[in-house]
Amino acid sequence: MTISQLILLLAVGLMAGFVGGALGLGGGIIIVPALIYILHFSQHEAQGTSLMVLLFPVGIFAVINYYKAGYIDWKLSLILMLGVVIGSYFGSKVSINIPDDILKKIFGIFIILVGLKMILGK
């Protein structure tokens, strides 16, 4: 790994961490596109690497801040966690069998649709 790659990875991580802590997102919106377009990862490599990065430290300090402010619903969080664990297992099983170019298009379309929904509302 070169020093420029190291600096880029740290910058992407800092940006993803900041955006994740501030807006509750980061992996799909920051890390995956950055790994693909800046560091030339394949879609599969970017998704797998992003998931690895987020496996444990996914916002631990942000969660502490939200907890202190009283913004965490523990019951709902635990139910969502169960769904995420099960869904991510099956989602990854499906994803690794989709060709890289098609997966990249699905990923992009999903981000556009979610963005439009959030901008346009109901």
N, C-alpha and C. Protein backbone atom coordinates (compact mmCIF):
# COMPACT_ATOMS: atom_id res chain seq x y z
N MET A 1 0.84 -1.18 0.00
CA MET A 1 0.00 0.00 0.00
C MET A 1 0.89 1.24 0.00
N THR A 2 0.53 2.17 -0.88
CA THR A 2 1.31 3.40 -0.95
C THR A 2 0.83 4.40 0.09
N ILE A 3 1.64 5.43 0.34
CA ILE A 3 1.26 6.46 1.30
C ILE A 3 0.02 7.22 0.80
N SER A 4 -0.10 7.42 -0.53
CA SER A 4 -1.28 8.11 -1.06
C SER A 4 -2.54 7.28 -0.87
N GLN A 5 -2.44 5.96 -1.04
CA GLN A 5 -3.59 5.09 -0.78
C GLN A 5 -3.98 5.14 0.70
N LEU A 6 -2.99 5.14 1.56
CA LEU A 6 -3.24 5.21 3.00
C LEU A 6 -3.96 6.51 3.35
N ILE A 7 -3.49 7.61 2.79
CA ILE A 7 -4.11 8.92 3.05
C ILE A 7 -5.55 8.94 2.51
N LEU A 8 -5.74 8.41 1.29
CA LEU A 8 -7.09 8.35 0.72
C LEU A 8 -8.03 7.51 1.58
N LEU A 9 -7.55 6.36 2.04
CA LEU A 9 -8.38 5.51 2.89
C LEU A 9 -8.75 6.21 4.19
N LEU A 10 -7.78 6.90 4.79
CA LEU A 10 -8.07 7.64 6.02
C LEU A 10 -9.07 8.76 5.76
N ALA A 11 -8.92 9.45 4.64
CA ALA A 11 -9.84 10.54 4.29
C ALA A 11 -11.25 10.00 4.07
N VAL A 12 -11.37 8.91 3.33
CA VAL A 12 -12.68 8.29 3.08
C VAL A 12 -13.29 7.85 4.41
N GLY A 13 -12.48 7.23 5.26
CA GLY A 13 -12.96 6.78 6.56
C GLY A 13 -13.43 7.95 7.43
N LEU A 14 -12.67 9.04 7.43
CA LEU A 14 -13.06 10.22 8.20
C LEU A 14 -14.36 10.82 7.68
N MET A 15 -14.48 10.91 6.35
CA MET A 15 -15.69 11.46 5.75
C MET A 15 -16.89 10.56 6.06
N ALA A 16 -16.72 9.26 5.90
CA ALA A 16 -17.81 8.33 6.18
C ALA A 16 -18.20 8.37 7.65
N GLY A 17 -17.21 8.45 8.51
CA GLY A 17 -17.49 8.54 9.94
C GLY A 17 -18.23 9.81 10.30
N PHE A 18 -17.80 10.93 9.73
CA PHE A 18 -18.45 12.21 10.00
C PHE A 18 -19.90 12.20 9.49
N VAL A 19 -20.07 11.79 8.22
CA VAL A 19 -21.41 11.77 7.64
C VAL A 19 -22.28 10.73 8.36
N GLY A 20 -21.69 9.60 8.70
CA GLY A 20 -22.44 8.58 9.44
C GLY A 20 -22.90 9.08 10.79
N GLY A 21 -22.01 9.75 11.50
CA GLY A 21 -22.37 10.29 12.81
C GLY A 21 -23.36 11.42 12.71
N ALA A 22 -23.25 12.23 11.67
CA ALA A 22 -24.12 13.39 11.53
C ALA A 22 -25.48 13.04 10.91
N LEU A 23 -25.49 12.13 9.95
CA LEU A 23 -26.71 11.83 9.22
C LEU A 23 -27.18 10.38 9.34
N GLY A 24 -26.39 9.53 9.96
CA GLY A 24 -26.78 8.13 10.10
C GLY A 24 -26.52 7.30 8.85
N LEU A 25 -25.57 7.74 8.03
CA LEU A 25 -25.22 6.97 6.84
C LEU A 25 -23.73 7.08 6.59
N GLY A 26 -23.22 6.32 5.68
CA GLY A 26 -21.78 6.37 5.42
C GLY A 26 -21.29 5.24 4.55
N GLY A 27 -21.61 4.00 4.90
CA GLY A 27 -21.10 2.85 4.16
C GLY A 27 -21.48 2.87 2.69
N GLY A 28 -22.76 2.91 2.40
CA GLY A 28 -23.21 2.86 1.02
C GLY A 28 -23.05 4.17 0.28
N ILE A 29 -23.16 5.27 0.98
CA ILE A 29 -23.14 6.57 0.32
C ILE A 29 -21.71 7.09 0.16
N ILE A 30 -20.83 6.81 1.08
CA ILE A 30 -19.48 7.37 1.04
C ILE A 30 -18.44 6.29 0.70
N ILE A 31 -18.37 5.25 1.50
CA ILE A 31 -17.28 4.28 1.38
C ILE A 31 -17.33 3.51 0.06
N VAL A 32 -18.48 2.94 -0.28
CA VAL A 32 -18.55 2.12 -1.49
C VAL A 32 -18.20 2.92 -2.74
N PRO A 33 -18.85 4.08 -2.99
CA PRO A 33 -18.45 4.83 -4.19
C PRO A 33 -16.99 5.29 -4.16
N ALA A 34 -16.48 5.68 -3.00
CA ALA A 34 -15.08 6.11 -2.92
C ALA A 34 -14.13 4.97 -3.25
N LEU A 35 -14.40 3.79 -2.73
CA LEU A 35 -13.54 2.65 -3.03
C LEU A 35 -13.58 2.30 -4.52
N ILE A 36 -14.74 2.43 -5.14
CA ILE A 36 -14.87 2.11 -6.56
C ILE A 36 -14.18 3.15 -7.43
N TYR A 37 -14.49 4.43 -7.20
CA TYR A 37 -14.05 5.47 -8.12
C TYR A 37 -12.71 6.11 -7.79
N ILE A 38 -12.30 6.02 -6.54
CA ILE A 38 -11.00 6.60 -6.18
C ILE A 38 -9.93 5.52 -6.09
N LEU A 39 -10.28 4.38 -5.50
CA LEU A 39 -9.28 3.32 -5.32
C LEU A 39 -9.48 2.14 -6.27
N HIS A 40 -10.45 2.25 -7.17
CA HIS A 40 -10.66 1.29 -8.27
C HIS A 40 -10.96 -0.13 -7.80
N PHE A 41 -11.73 -0.25 -6.73
CA PHE A 41 -12.20 -1.56 -6.29
C PHE A 41 -13.33 -2.00 -7.22
N SER A 42 -13.58 -3.31 -7.29
CA SER A 42 -14.79 -3.79 -7.96
C SER A 42 -15.97 -3.50 -7.03
N GLN A 43 -17.18 -3.57 -7.55
CA GLN A 43 -18.37 -3.35 -6.72
C GLN A 43 -18.41 -4.35 -5.57
N HIS A 44 -18.11 -5.61 -5.86
CA HIS A 44 -18.12 -6.64 -4.82
C HIS A 44 -17.06 -6.35 -3.74
N GLU A 45 -15.86 -5.99 -4.17
CA GLU A 45 -14.79 -5.69 -3.21
C GLU A 45 -15.17 -4.48 -2.34
N ALA A 46 -15.77 -3.47 -2.97
CA ALA A 46 -16.15 -2.26 -2.23
C ALA A 46 -17.22 -2.57 -1.20
N GLN A 47 -18.22 -3.34 -1.59
CA GLN A 47 -19.30 -3.69 -0.66
C GLN A 47 -18.77 -4.55 0.48
N GLY A 48 -17.97 -5.55 0.16
CA GLY A 48 -17.41 -6.42 1.20
C GLY A 48 -16.51 -5.66 2.15
N THR A 49 -15.67 -4.79 1.60
CA THR A 49 -14.76 -4.00 2.43
C THR A 49 -15.55 -3.04 3.32
N SER A 50 -16.56 -2.39 2.77
CA SER A 50 -17.40 -1.48 3.54
C SER A 50 -18.07 -2.21 4.70
N LEU A 51 -18.59 -3.39 4.43
CA LEU A 51 -19.24 -4.17 5.49
C LEU A 51 -18.24 -4.56 6.58
N MET A 52 -17.02 -4.90 6.17
CA MET A 52 -15.99 -5.26 7.15
C MET A 52 -15.65 -4.06 8.03
N VAL A 53 -15.51 -2.89 7.39
CA VAL A 53 -15.18 -1.67 8.13
C VAL A 53 -16.26 -1.36 9.16
N LEU A 54 -17.51 -1.59 8.79
CA LEU A 54 -18.63 -1.23 9.65
C LEU A 54 -19.03 -2.34 10.61
N LEU A 55 -18.42 -3.50 10.51
CA LEU A 55 -18.82 -4.66 11.30
C LEU A 55 -18.91 -4.37 12.78
N PHE A 56 -17.86 -3.87 13.38
CA PHE A 56 -17.93 -3.56 14.82
C PHE A 56 -18.05 -2.07 15.10
N PRO A 57 -17.16 -1.27 14.56
CA PRO A 57 -17.12 0.11 15.03
C PRO A 57 -18.22 1.00 14.48
N VAL A 58 -19.22 0.39 13.81
CA VAL A 58 -20.25 1.18 13.13
C VAL A 58 -20.90 2.20 14.08
N GLY A 59 -20.27 3.33 14.14
CA GLY A 59 -20.84 4.45 14.87
C GLY A 59 -20.88 4.31 16.37
N ILE A 60 -19.98 3.55 16.98
CA ILE A 60 -20.04 3.32 18.43
C ILE A 60 -20.04 4.64 19.21
N PHE A 61 -19.21 5.59 18.80
CA PHE A 61 -19.17 6.86 19.52
C PHE A 61 -20.39 7.72 19.20
N ALA A 62 -20.88 7.62 17.96
CA ALA A 62 -22.12 8.33 17.61
C ALA A 62 -23.29 7.76 18.41
N VAL A 63 -23.31 6.43 18.56
CA VAL A 63 -24.38 5.80 19.34
C VAL A 63 -24.33 6.28 20.79
N ILE A 64 -23.15 6.39 21.34
CA ILE A 64 -23.01 6.88 22.72
C ILE A 64 -23.60 8.28 22.84
N ASN A 65 -23.30 9.16 21.87
CA ASN A 65 -23.84 10.52 21.91
C ASN A 65 -25.36 10.52 21.78
N TYR A 66 -25.89 9.72 20.85
CA TYR A 66 -27.34 9.66 20.69
C TYR A 66 -28.00 9.06 21.94
N TYR A 67 -27.35 8.09 22.55
CA TYR A 67 -27.87 7.49 23.79
C TYR A 67 -27.94 8.53 24.91
N LYS A 68 -26.86 9.28 25.07
CA LYS A 68 -26.82 10.31 26.11
C LYS A 68 -27.91 11.37 25.91
N ALA A 69 -28.23 11.63 24.64
CA ALA A 69 -29.26 12.62 24.33
C ALA A 69 -30.67 12.03 24.39
N GLY A 70 -30.77 10.71 24.63
CA GLY A 70 -32.07 10.06 24.75
C GLY A 70 -32.74 9.73 23.44
N TYR A 71 -31.96 9.55 22.38
CA TYR A 71 -32.51 9.32 21.06
C TYR A 71 -32.42 7.87 20.57
N ILE A 72 -32.32 6.93 21.46
CA ILE A 72 -32.25 5.52 21.04
C ILE A 72 -33.43 4.76 21.62
N ASP A 73 -34.16 4.10 20.75
CA ASP A 73 -35.25 3.22 21.17
C ASP A 73 -34.66 1.80 21.19
N TRP A 74 -34.31 1.33 22.38
CA TRP A 74 -33.61 0.06 22.53
C TRP A 74 -34.42 -1.12 22.01
N LYS A 75 -35.70 -1.15 22.31
CA LYS A 75 -36.53 -2.27 21.87
C LYS A 75 -36.55 -2.36 20.34
N LEU A 76 -36.82 -1.22 19.70
CA LEU A 76 -36.83 -1.21 18.23
C LEU A 76 -35.45 -1.52 17.66
N SER A 77 -34.41 -1.01 18.29
CA SER A 77 -33.05 -1.25 17.82
C SER A 77 -32.72 -2.73 17.82
N LEU A 78 -33.09 -3.43 18.88
CA LEU A 78 -32.79 -4.86 18.97
C LEU A 78 -33.57 -5.65 17.91
N ILE A 79 -34.81 -5.26 17.67
CA ILE A 79 -35.60 -5.93 16.63
C ILE A 79 -34.97 -5.66 15.26
N LEU A 80 -34.60 -4.41 15.00
CA LEU A 80 -33.94 -4.08 13.74
C LEU A 80 -32.62 -4.83 13.57
N MET A 81 -31.87 -4.94 14.66
CA MET A 81 -30.59 -5.67 14.60
C MET A 81 -30.80 -7.11 14.14
N LEU A 82 -31.81 -7.75 14.70
CA LEU A 82 -32.11 -9.12 14.31
C LEU A 82 -32.41 -9.19 12.82
N GLY A 83 -33.25 -8.26 12.35
CA GLY A 83 -33.57 -8.22 10.92
C GLY A 83 -32.34 -7.94 10.06
N VAL A 84 -31.48 -7.04 10.52
CA VAL A 84 -30.26 -6.71 9.76
C VAL A 84 -29.33 -7.91 9.69
N VAL A 85 -29.18 -8.62 10.79
CA VAL A 85 -28.30 -9.80 10.79
C VAL A 85 -28.79 -10.85 9.80
N ILE A 86 -30.08 -11.15 9.86
CA ILE A 86 -30.65 -12.15 8.96
C ILE A 86 -30.64 -11.65 7.52
N GLY A 87 -31.10 -10.41 7.32
CA GLY A 87 -31.16 -9.85 5.97
C GLY A 87 -29.80 -9.71 5.32
N SER A 88 -28.80 -9.29 6.10
CA SER A 88 -27.46 -9.11 5.52
C SER A 88 -26.85 -10.45 5.11
N TYR A 89 -27.15 -11.49 5.87
CA TYR A 89 -26.64 -12.82 5.51
C TYR A 89 -27.20 -13.24 4.14
N PHE A 90 -28.51 -13.17 4.01
CA PHE A 90 -29.13 -13.60 2.75
C PHE A 90 -28.85 -12.62 1.61
N GLY A 91 -28.79 -11.32 1.91
CA GLY A 91 -28.47 -10.33 0.90
C GLY A 91 -27.09 -10.54 0.33
N SER A 92 -26.13 -10.85 1.19
CA SER A 92 -24.76 -11.09 0.71
C SER A 92 -24.69 -12.36 -0.12
N LYS A 93 -25.46 -13.38 0.26
CA LYS A 93 -25.49 -14.63 -0.53
C LYS A 93 -25.97 -14.37 -1.95
N VAL A 94 -27.00 -13.50 -2.08
CA VAL A 94 -27.53 -13.15 -3.40
C VAL A 94 -26.53 -12.27 -4.15
N SER A 95 -26.02 -11.24 -3.48
CA SER A 95 -25.16 -10.24 -4.11
C SER A 95 -23.89 -10.82 -4.71
N ILE A 96 -23.25 -11.75 -4.03
CA ILE A 96 -21.98 -12.28 -4.54
C ILE A 96 -22.16 -13.07 -5.83
N ASN A 97 -23.39 -13.40 -6.16
CA ASN A 97 -23.66 -14.14 -7.40
C ASN A 97 -24.15 -13.25 -8.54
N ILE A 98 -24.24 -11.95 -8.31
CA ILE A 98 -24.66 -11.01 -9.36
C ILE A 98 -23.40 -10.43 -10.01
N PRO A 99 -23.34 -10.39 -11.34
CA PRO A 99 -22.17 -9.82 -12.01
C PRO A 99 -21.91 -8.38 -11.55
N ASP A 100 -20.63 -8.02 -11.46
CA ASP A 100 -20.20 -6.74 -10.93
C ASP A 100 -20.88 -5.55 -11.61
N ASP A 101 -20.93 -5.55 -12.94
CA ASP A 101 -21.52 -4.41 -13.65
C ASP A 101 -23.01 -4.26 -13.37
N ILE A 102 -23.72 -5.35 -13.23
CA ILE A 102 -25.15 -5.30 -12.91
C ILE A 102 -25.35 -4.85 -11.46
N LEU A 103 -24.53 -5.36 -10.57
CA LEU A 103 -24.62 -4.98 -9.16
C LEU A 103 -24.38 -3.48 -8.99
N LYS A 104 -23.42 -2.94 -9.73
CA LYS A 104 -23.14 -1.50 -9.67
C LYS A 104 -24.36 -0.70 -10.11
N LYS A 105 -25.05 -1.15 -11.15
CA LYS A 105 -26.25 -0.46 -11.63
C LYS A 105 -27.38 -0.55 -10.61
N ILE A 106 -27.57 -1.71 -10.02
CA ILE A 106 -28.61 -1.88 -8.99
C ILE A 106 -28.32 -0.95 -7.82
N PHE A 107 -27.09 -0.90 -7.40
CA PHE A 107 -26.67 -0.04 -6.30
C PHE A 107 -26.97 1.43 -6.62
N GLY A 108 -26.60 1.88 -7.80
CA GLY A 108 -26.83 3.26 -8.21
C GLY A 108 -28.31 3.60 -8.29
N ILE A 109 -29.09 2.72 -8.87
CA ILE A 109 -30.54 2.94 -8.98
C ILE A 109 -31.16 3.03 -7.59
N PHE A 110 -30.74 2.17 -6.69
CA PHE A 110 -31.27 2.18 -5.33
C PHE A 110 -30.99 3.52 -4.65
N ILE A 111 -29.76 4.02 -4.77
CA ILE A 111 -29.40 5.30 -4.16
C ILE A 111 -30.25 6.43 -4.77
N ILE A 112 -30.44 6.42 -6.08
CA ILE A 112 -31.25 7.45 -6.74
C ILE A 112 -32.70 7.40 -6.24
N LEU A 113 -33.27 6.21 -6.20
CA LEU A 113 -34.67 6.08 -5.76
C LEU A 113 -34.86 6.53 -4.31
N VAL A 114 -33.95 6.14 -3.44
CA VAL A 114 -34.06 6.56 -2.04
C VAL A 114 -33.90 8.08 -1.95
N GLY A 115 -32.94 8.64 -2.69
CA GLY A 115 -32.74 10.08 -2.68
C GLY A 115 -33.97 10.83 -3.18
N LEU A 116 -34.58 10.36 -4.27
CA LEU A 116 -35.78 11.00 -4.80
C LEU A 116 -36.92 10.92 -3.80
N LYS A 117 -37.08 9.79 -3.18
CA LYS A 117 -38.14 9.63 -2.17
C LYS A 117 -37.95 10.63 -1.02
N MET A 118 -36.72 10.77 -0.58
CA MET A 118 -36.45 11.68 0.53
C MET A 118 -36.65 13.14 0.10
N ILE A 119 -36.27 13.47 -1.11
CA ILE A 119 -36.41 14.85 -1.59
C ILE A 119 -37.89 15.19 -1.87
N LEU A 120 -38.59 14.28 -2.53
CA LEU A 120 -39.96 14.55 -2.93
C LEU A 120 -41.00 14.22 -1.85
N GLY A 121 -40.60 13.48 -0.84
CA GLY A 121 -41.53 13.13 0.24
C GLY A 121 -42.45 12.01 -0.15
N LYS A 122 -43.65 12.02 0.42
CA LYS A 122 -44.63 10.94 0.17
C LYS A 122 -45.07 10.97 -1.25
